[in-house]
């Protein structure tokens, strides 16, 4: 399976061992055992189960990709999309306990994922000029998503700032209402649906349906043959994988999908319990909620990071960069809108409290800061890739420096 998270029996061992640790933690919690052992077991066990559920979901999507004859980049993107399901389930449990923390956590996940993308861009294969060529689908589709996300973050952050400064709106500037969250979430999901449709329609085969027609050999200038050979190299990894000749049956695909779903619920609940304990413990010791949220965002991205590292080691560079880029774009267009809709729905159902004037997501320093900081993050990603479809060393250094600085400032002053 290309781009799998763990490979071999490791994910099965993690799933079983994590389930045992979660069961032991809940047993100790039921018997009112206090101390660090219960949160530690919930963290380790929950993350192990989430890792296993990510691998199961990835195998489900990869099997589907083999049957549909997707190439490595599209298969990697869809596998990365599937790996978000356990993360969404985990954050859903955090929403039930602390919706504001869940929102901040998701926004911080964007910055952590962007930092990983910047670092990984320094590990990509480069030509003699020091530039790393990116897959065509990433250049033509992901950059549009970066630009859209930058606009959404800027508009939403500015709106939150103005509402709070002037005590304006139906909620007196205290926060955003359920209708606001439904509107933002719905718009972002609509964009992601169109993106997936275009990705599968245009880039799931051997090449792009908009690729230019080859010119006759007689008209080619001197040295064109060598240049054409060089241009073909970056797309070699986009060929359908050999495993597609032996596509699995529907039984294993459904089995892995069901297993990943139930495992993600168990692991997500455990990590959600740990998140509540971690944030509470750090806050009681004088640390800001932002520090705890940054730590949790690293945990939330662990499945995608494992997928990226495994794909790179296997030499599947298109799968690796698809995971790195997909983890960035899927935060604002998959995870964030789902969390916004969950907050709105849970508030209307009375499962989480609302504020004095009916707001469901408070507007304060932290929630506004993470939204405004999302704008420069997406902007530099768009600029670094859109200009020539390559990443040079200066762009790698710029991205890594900005993303690391964002995280430092959020932790230090958030």
Protein backbone atom coordinates (compact mmCIF):
# COMPACT_ATOMS: atom_id res chain seq x y z
CA UNK A 1 0.00 0.00 0.00
CA UNK A 2 1.54 3.28 -1.04
CA UNK A 3 1.68 6.01 1.48
CA UNK A 4 0.53 3.87 4.33
CA UNK A 5 1.06 5.14 7.76
CA UNK A 6 2.86 2.33 9.44
CA UNK A 7 3.33 -0.55 7.04
CA UNK A 8 3.51 -4.20 8.12
CA UNK A 9 1.93 -5.25 11.41
CA UNK A 10 2.99 -2.12 13.32
CA UNK A 11 -0.39 -0.43 12.99
CA UNK A 12 -2.19 -3.58 14.21
CA UNK A 13 0.10 -3.74 17.25
CA UNK A 14 -0.53 -0.04 17.91
CA UNK A 15 -4.28 -0.54 17.59
CA UNK A 16 -4.38 -3.47 20.03
CA UNK A 17 -1.89 -1.99 22.52
CA UNK A 18 -3.63 1.38 22.40
CA UNK A 19 -7.01 -0.23 23.00
CA UNK A 20 -5.64 -2.06 26.06
CA UNK A 21 -4.14 1.16 27.47
CA UNK A 22 -7.40 3.07 26.91
CA UNK A 23 -9.38 0.30 28.60
CA UNK A 24 -7.01 0.33 31.58
CA UNK A 25 -7.24 4.13 31.82
CA UNK A 26 -11.05 4.06 31.85
CA UNK A 27 -11.00 1.31 34.46
CA UNK A 28 -8.72 3.35 36.71
CA UNK A 29 -10.85 6.44 36.11
CA UNK A 30 -13.97 4.51 37.07
CA UNK A 31 -12.29 3.43 40.31
CA UNK A 32 -11.42 7.11 40.98
CA UNK A 33 -7.66 6.64 40.71
CA UNK A 34 -6.01 10.06 40.51
CA UNK A 35 -2.57 11.26 39.42
CA UNK A 36 -0.76 11.42 36.10
CA UNK A 37 -1.14 7.75 35.21
CA UNK A 38 -4.69 8.07 33.84
CA UNK A 39 -3.95 11.06 31.53
CA UNK A 40 -0.71 9.38 30.44
CA UNK A 41 -2.50 6.16 29.52
CA UNK A 42 -5.22 8.13 27.70
CA UNK A 43 -2.60 10.07 25.72
CA UNK A 44 -0.45 7.10 24.75
CA UNK A 45 -3.34 4.74 24.19
CA UNK A 46 -5.46 7.28 22.35
CA UNK A 47 -2.66 8.31 20.01
CA UNK A 48 -1.79 4.65 19.32
CA UNK A 49 -5.41 3.91 18.44
CA UNK A 50 -5.65 7.07 16.29
CA UNK A 51 -2.48 5.98 14.48
CA UNK A 52 -4.00 2.55 13.84
CA UNK A 53 -7.30 4.03 12.71
CA UNK A 54 -5.44 6.37 10.32
CA UNK A 55 -3.70 3.38 8.75
CA UNK A 56 -7.00 1.52 8.44
CA UNK A 57 -8.67 4.52 6.78
CA UNK A 58 -5.67 4.97 4.49
CA UNK A 59 -5.79 1.32 3.41
CA UNK A 60 -9.50 1.71 2.73
CA UNK A 61 -8.94 4.75 0.51
CA UNK A 62 -5.86 3.27 -1.17
CA UNK A 63 -7.82 0.15 -2.06
CA UNK A 64 -10.52 2.36 -3.54
CA UNK A 65 -7.82 4.31 -5.40
CA UNK A 66 -6.40 1.12 -6.89
CA UNK A 67 -9.81 0.11 -8.15
CA UNK A 68 -10.37 3.61 -9.55
CA UNK A 69 -6.83 3.72 -11.06
CA UNK A 70 -5.76 6.89 -9.26
CA UNK A 71 -2.13 7.98 -9.53
CA UNK A 72 0.18 8.40 -6.53
CA UNK A 73 -0.49 12.12 -5.99
CA UNK A 74 -4.27 11.75 -6.06
CA UNK A 75 -4.13 8.56 -3.95
CA UNK A 76 -1.89 10.33 -1.44
CA UNK A 77 -4.23 13.31 -1.28
CA UNK A 78 -7.29 11.10 -0.74
CA UNK A 79 -5.44 9.06 1.88
CA UNK A 80 -4.53 12.28 3.66
CA UNK A 81 -8.18 13.32 3.48
CA UNK A 82 -9.21 10.01 5.07
CA UNK A 83 -6.63 10.44 7.82
CA UNK A 84 -8.51 13.58 8.91
CA UNK A 85 -11.48 11.51 10.06
CA UNK A 86 -9.84 10.33 13.31
CA UNK A 87 -8.62 13.88 13.91
CA UNK A 88 -12.14 15.28 13.44
CA UNK A 89 -13.56 12.68 15.83
CA UNK A 90 -10.90 13.53 18.40
CA UNK A 91 -11.61 17.26 18.14
CA UNK A 92 -15.37 16.61 18.35
CA UNK A 93 -14.85 15.27 21.86
CA UNK A 94 -12.76 18.34 22.67
CA UNK A 95 -15.64 20.51 21.39
CA UNK A 96 -17.97 18.88 23.89
CA UNK A 97 -15.65 19.73 26.78
CA UNK A 98 -14.15 23.05 25.66
CA UNK A 99 -15.42 24.43 22.31
CA UNK A 100 -13.20 27.51 22.44
CA UNK A 101 -10.10 25.37 22.99
CA UNK A 102 -11.16 23.11 20.11
CA UNK A 103 -11.39 26.10 17.76
CA UNK A 104 -7.97 27.42 18.79
CA UNK A 105 -6.55 23.90 18.50
CA UNK A 106 -7.69 23.53 14.89
CA UNK A 107 -6.35 26.95 13.92
CA UNK A 108 -2.99 26.10 15.49
CA UNK A 109 -2.94 22.79 13.62
CA UNK A 110 -2.75 24.86 10.43
CA UNK A 111 0.43 26.59 11.61
CA UNK A 112 2.05 23.34 12.75
CA UNK A 113 1.18 21.67 9.43
CA UNK A 114 2.52 24.64 7.48
CA UNK A 115 5.79 24.45 9.41
CA UNK A 116 6.10 20.76 8.54
CA UNK A 117 5.46 21.60 4.86
CA UNK A 118 8.17 24.24 4.97
CA UNK A 119 10.67 21.87 6.57
CA UNK A 120 9.82 19.03 4.17
CA UNK A 121 10.29 21.33 1.18
CA UNK A 122 13.95 21.40 2.19
CA UNK A 123 14.12 17.60 1.87
CA UNK A 124 12.65 17.41 -1.61
CA UNK A 125 14.75 16.44 -4.63
CA UNK A 126 16.17 19.49 -6.38
CA UNK A 127 17.67 20.17 -9.79
CA UNK A 128 21.06 21.74 -10.49
CA UNK A 129 19.67 25.22 -9.87
CA UNK A 130 18.50 24.25 -6.37
CA UNK A 131 14.79 24.22 -7.20
CA UNK A 132 12.33 21.48 -6.30
CA UNK A 133 9.59 20.96 -8.89
CA UNK A 134 6.09 20.34 -7.48
CA UNK A 135 3.33 18.11 -8.88
CA UNK A 136 1.09 19.89 -11.38
CA UNK A 137 -2.07 19.20 -9.38
CA UNK A 138 -0.57 20.92 -6.34
CA UNK A 139 0.39 23.96 -8.39
CA UNK A 140 -2.93 24.30 -10.21
CA UNK A 141 -5.38 23.42 -7.42
CA UNK A 142 -3.72 23.74 -4.02
CA UNK A 143 -2.53 27.27 -4.71
CA UNK A 144 -6.13 28.32 -5.37
CA UNK A 145 -7.05 26.82 -2.02
CA UNK A 146 -4.21 28.71 -0.32
CA UNK A 147 -5.47 31.99 -1.78
CA UNK A 148 -9.08 31.28 -0.79
CA UNK A 149 -8.09 30.29 2.75
CA UNK A 150 -5.97 33.44 3.11
CA UNK A 151 -9.00 35.55 2.19
CA UNK A 152 -11.30 33.69 4.60
CA UNK A 153 -8.85 34.02 7.49
CA UNK A 154 -8.32 37.74 6.82
CA UNK A 155 -12.02 38.55 6.46
CA UNK A 156 -13.08 36.49 9.48
CA UNK A 157 -10.27 37.80 11.69
CA UNK A 158 -10.97 41.41 10.70
CA UNK A 159 -14.69 40.91 11.31
CA UNK A 160 -14.05 39.47 14.77
CA UNK A 161 -11.75 42.38 15.61
CA UNK A 162 -14.25 45.01 14.46
CA UNK A 163 -17.25 43.38 16.13
CA UNK A 164 -15.44 43.22 19.44
CA UNK A 165 -13.99 46.75 19.19
CA UNK A 166 -17.35 48.40 18.45
CA UNK A 167 -19.64 46.04 20.45
CA UNK A 168 -21.51 45.52 17.18
CA UNK A 169 -23.74 42.77 15.82
CA UNK A 170 -26.56 40.74 17.30
CA UNK A 171 -24.24 39.41 20.00
CA UNK A 172 -22.82 42.78 21.10
CA UNK A 173 -19.35 41.85 19.93
CA UNK A 174 -19.07 38.99 22.41
CA UNK A 175 -18.72 36.30 19.78
CA UNK A 176 -19.99 34.67 16.61
CA UNK A 177 -23.43 33.09 16.49
CA UNK A 178 -24.52 29.68 15.24
CA UNK A 179 -25.63 31.17 11.92
CA UNK A 180 -22.21 32.73 11.39
CA UNK A 181 -20.46 29.41 11.99
CA UNK A 182 -22.85 27.56 9.66
CA UNK A 183 -22.22 30.13 6.91
CA UNK A 184 -18.41 30.03 7.22
CA UNK A 185 -18.29 26.25 7.55
CA UNK A 186 -20.67 25.64 4.67
CA UNK A 187 -18.75 27.93 2.32
CA UNK A 188 -15.42 26.23 3.11
CA UNK A 189 -16.82 22.72 2.65
CA UNK A 190 -18.36 23.74 -0.68
CA UNK A 191 -14.92 24.82 -1.93
CA UNK A 192 -13.36 21.53 -0.78
CA UNK A 193 -16.02 19.47 -2.59
CA UNK A 194 -15.32 21.31 -5.84
CA UNK A 195 -11.58 20.85 -5.27
CA UNK A 196 -11.89 17.06 -4.85
CA UNK A 197 -14.07 16.81 -7.94
CA UNK A 198 -11.56 18.73 -10.04
CA UNK A 199 -8.64 16.76 -8.60
CA UNK A 200 -10.16 13.40 -9.56
CA UNK A 201 -11.43 14.58 -12.95
CA UNK A 202 -8.25 16.32 -14.12
CA UNK A 203 -5.32 14.66 -12.39
CA UNK A 204 -6.25 11.08 -11.49
CA UNK A 205 -4.81 9.52 -14.66
CA UNK A 206 -1.40 9.43 -16.27
CA UNK A 207 -1.42 13.10 -17.20
CA UNK A 208 -3.33 16.34 -17.26
CA UNK A 209 -6.18 16.88 -19.67
CA UNK A 210 -4.87 20.38 -20.25
CA UNK A 211 -1.32 19.34 -21.10
CA UNK A 212 -0.01 20.99 -24.28
CA UNK A 213 0.27 18.94 -27.44
CA UNK A 214 3.79 17.79 -28.25
CA UNK A 215 5.50 19.69 -31.08
CA UNK A 216 7.00 17.88 -34.09
CA UNK A 217 10.60 16.84 -33.57
CA UNK A 218 11.76 18.83 -36.64
CA UNK A 219 10.60 22.08 -35.07
CA UNK A 220 12.39 21.51 -31.79
CA UNK A 221 15.37 23.75 -31.08
CA UNK A 222 18.82 22.40 -30.29
CA UNK A 223 18.95 20.75 -26.88
CA UNK A 224 15.17 20.36 -26.70
CA UNK A 225 15.46 16.59 -26.42
CA UNK A 226 17.52 16.87 -23.23
CA UNK A 227 15.21 19.54 -21.85
CA UNK A 228 12.16 17.37 -22.52
CA UNK A 229 13.81 14.45 -20.74
CA UNK A 230 14.49 16.69 -17.75
CA UNK A 231 10.90 17.96 -17.73
CA UNK A 232 9.52 14.43 -17.61
CA UNK A 233 11.40 13.52 -14.43
CA UNK A 234 9.13 15.30 -11.92
CA UNK A 235 6.05 13.53 -13.25
CA UNK A 236 7.47 10.03 -13.16
CA UNK A 237 6.04 9.49 -9.69
CA UNK A 238 2.57 10.37 -10.98
CA UNK A 239 2.25 7.14 -12.95
CA UNK A 240 -0.28 4.63 -11.66
CA UNK A 241 1.31 2.37 -9.07
CA UNK A 242 2.13 -1.22 -9.90
CA UNK A 243 -0.15 -2.36 -7.11
CA UNK A 244 -3.11 -1.17 -9.17
CA UNK A 245 -2.81 -4.33 -11.26
CA UNK A 246 -3.96 -6.30 -8.21
CA UNK A 247 -6.76 -4.14 -6.84
CA UNK A 248 -8.34 -5.49 -3.63
CA UNK A 249 -11.97 -6.56 -3.45
CA UNK A 250 -14.75 -4.49 -1.90
CA UNK A 251 -14.75 -6.65 1.24
CA UNK A 252 -11.32 -5.51 2.53
CA UNK A 253 -12.09 -1.91 1.55
CA UNK A 254 -15.30 -1.87 3.60
CA UNK A 255 -13.63 -3.74 6.49
CA UNK A 256 -10.80 -1.22 6.79
CA UNK A 257 -13.28 1.65 6.55
CA UNK A 258 -15.47 0.30 9.36
CA UNK A 259 -12.43 -0.57 11.50
CA UNK A 260 -10.97 2.90 11.04
CA UNK A 261 -14.27 4.55 11.94
CA UNK A 262 -14.79 2.69 15.22
CA UNK A 263 -11.11 2.89 16.20
CA UNK A 264 -11.08 6.64 15.59
CA UNK A 265 -14.03 7.06 17.93
CA UNK A 266 -12.23 5.21 20.72
CA UNK A 267 -8.91 6.98 20.15
CA UNK A 268 -10.57 10.36 19.66
CA UNK A 269 -12.47 10.09 22.93
CA UNK A 270 -9.30 9.12 24.81
CA UNK A 271 -7.24 11.98 23.37
CA UNK A 272 -10.13 14.35 24.04
CA UNK A 273 -10.08 13.34 27.71
CA UNK A 274 -6.32 13.86 27.78
CA UNK A 275 -6.69 17.26 26.10
CA UNK A 276 -9.08 18.41 28.81
CA UNK A 277 -6.68 17.24 31.54
CA UNK A 278 -3.63 18.76 29.83
CA UNK A 279 -5.14 22.20 29.25
CA UNK A 280 -6.56 22.25 32.78
CA UNK A 281 -3.23 21.22 34.28
CA UNK A 282 -1.21 23.78 32.32
CA UNK A 283 -3.69 26.57 33.08
CA UNK A 284 -3.58 25.80 36.81
CA UNK A 285 0.22 26.15 36.69
CA UNK A 286 0.11 29.56 35.04
CA UNK A 287 0.62 28.52 31.41
CA UNK A 288 -1.64 29.91 28.71
CA UNK A 289 -4.21 27.79 26.91
CA UNK A 290 -2.26 28.46 23.71
CA UNK A 291 0.70 26.38 24.94
CA UNK A 292 -1.53 23.40 25.64
CA UNK A 293 -3.32 23.84 22.31
CA UNK A 294 0.01 23.89 20.43
CA UNK A 295 1.04 20.62 22.09
CA UNK A 296 -2.31 19.07 21.24
CA UNK A 297 -2.08 20.27 17.63
CA UNK A 298 1.17 18.32 17.28
CA UNK A 299 -0.64 15.21 18.57
CA UNK A 300 -3.53 15.84 16.19
CA UNK A 301 -1.17 15.96 13.20
CA UNK A 302 0.80 12.85 14.23
CA UNK A 303 -0.97 10.54 11.77
CA UNK A 304 -0.23 12.79 8.79
CA UNK A 305 3.38 13.22 9.90
CA UNK A 306 3.85 9.46 10.06
CA UNK A 307 2.33 9.08 6.59
CA UNK A 308 4.66 11.75 5.21
CA UNK A 309 7.80 10.23 6.73
CA UNK A 310 6.94 6.70 5.62
CA UNK A 311 6.19 7.78 2.05
CA UNK A 312 9.46 9.74 1.85
CA UNK A 313 11.52 6.80 3.12
CA UNK A 314 9.85 4.56 0.51
CA UNK A 315 10.79 7.03 -2.22
CA UNK A 316 7.17 7.94 -2.95
CA UNK A 317 7.84 11.66 -3.08
CA UNK A 318 4.55 12.63 -4.75
CA UNK A 319 2.65 10.85 -1.99
CA UNK A 320 4.77 12.59 0.64
CA UNK A 321 4.31 16.09 -0.78
CA UNK A 322 0.59 15.37 -1.29
CA UNK A 323 0.31 14.56 2.41
CA UNK A 324 2.33 17.63 3.41
CA UNK A 325 0.29 19.98 1.23
CA UNK A 326 -3.00 18.20 1.92
CA UNK A 327 -2.51 18.50 5.67
CA UNK A 328 -2.30 22.28 5.21
CA UNK A 329 -5.26 22.70 2.86
CA UNK A 330 -7.51 20.22 4.64
CA UNK A 331 -7.32 22.10 7.93
CA UNK A 332 -9.20 25.20 6.68
CA UNK A 333 -11.40 23.31 4.21
CA UNK A 334 -12.21 20.09 6.10
CA UNK A 335 -11.34 20.13 9.79
CA UNK A 336 -12.08 23.78 10.58
CA UNK A 337 -15.53 23.93 8.90
CA UNK A 338 -16.57 20.66 10.52
CA UNK A 339 -15.54 21.99 13.94
CA UNK A 340 -17.41 25.27 13.34
CA UNK A 341 -20.56 23.36 12.37
CA UNK A 342 -20.20 21.06 15.39
CA UNK A 343 -19.87 24.03 17.76
CA UNK A 344 -22.98 25.62 16.28
CA UNK A 345 -24.98 22.37 16.35
CA UNK A 346 -23.92 21.39 19.88
CA UNK A 347 -24.83 24.86 21.13
CA UNK A 348 -28.27 24.75 19.54
CA UNK A 349 -28.84 21.28 21.00
CA UNK A 350 -27.89 22.51 24.46
CA UNK A 351 -24.84 20.23 24.68
CA UNK A 352 -22.49 23.18 25.24
CA UNK A 353 -23.32 26.55 26.85
CA UNK A 354 -23.95 29.77 24.93
CA UNK A 355 -22.84 33.24 25.95
CA UNK A 356 -24.93 36.03 27.44
CA UNK A 357 -26.16 37.45 24.12
CA UNK A 358 -26.45 34.12 22.33
CA UNK A 359 -22.95 33.86 20.85
CA UNK A 360 -21.49 30.36 20.64
CA UNK A 361 -17.83 31.11 19.79
CA UNK A 362 -16.29 33.88 21.91
CA UNK A 363 -14.31 36.70 20.33
CA UNK A 364 -11.23 37.25 22.47
CA UNK A 365 -7.52 37.78 22.01
CA UNK A 366 -6.66 34.12 21.32
CA UNK A 367 -9.49 33.30 18.92
CA UNK A 368 -8.92 36.49 16.93
CA UNK A 369 -5.14 36.07 16.89
CA UNK A 370 -5.15 32.56 15.41
CA UNK A 371 -7.46 33.67 12.61
CA UNK A 372 -5.46 36.76 11.65
CA UNK A 373 -2.19 34.82 11.77
CA UNK A 374 -3.65 32.34 9.30
CA UNK A 375 -3.61 35.01 6.57
CA UNK A 376 0.19 35.44 6.18
CA UNK A 377 0.66 31.68 6.47
CA UNK A 378 -1.57 30.93 3.50
CA UNK A 379 -0.32 33.96 1.58
CA UNK A 380 3.34 32.92 1.60
CA UNK A 381 2.40 29.36 0.65
CA UNK A 382 0.47 30.69 -2.34
CA UNK A 383 3.31 33.01 -3.43
CA UNK A 384 6.06 30.39 -3.00
CA UNK A 385 4.34 27.86 -5.27
CA UNK A 386 2.23 29.89 -7.68
CA UNK A 387 5.02 31.95 -9.25
CA UNK A 388 6.83 29.11 -11.04
CA UNK A 389 5.58 25.79 -9.67
CA UNK A 390 8.90 25.24 -7.89
CA UNK A 391 10.39 25.88 -4.47
CA UNK A 392 13.88 27.35 -4.18
CA UNK A 393 16.04 27.56 -1.09
CA UNK A 394 15.02 31.14 -0.33
CA UNK A 395 11.33 30.18 -0.39
CA UNK A 396 12.06 27.20 1.87
CA UNK A 397 13.91 29.44 4.33
CA UNK A 398 11.16 32.10 4.20
CA UNK A 399 8.36 29.63 4.84
CA UNK A 400 10.15 27.85 7.67
CA UNK A 401 11.14 31.11 9.37
CA UNK A 402 7.66 32.64 9.17
CA UNK A 403 5.80 29.52 10.28
CA UNK A 404 8.18 28.93 13.20
CA UNK A 405 7.91 32.61 14.19
CA UNK A 406 4.11 32.40 14.11
CA UNK A 407 4.12 29.43 16.48
CA UNK A 408 6.63 31.13 18.81
CA UNK A 409 4.61 34.35 18.97
CA UNK A 410 1.37 32.47 19.57
CA UNK A 411 2.94 30.45 22.38
CA UNK A 412 4.71 33.44 23.92
CA UNK A 413 1.96 36.04 23.71
CA UNK A 414 -1.22 34.07 23.14
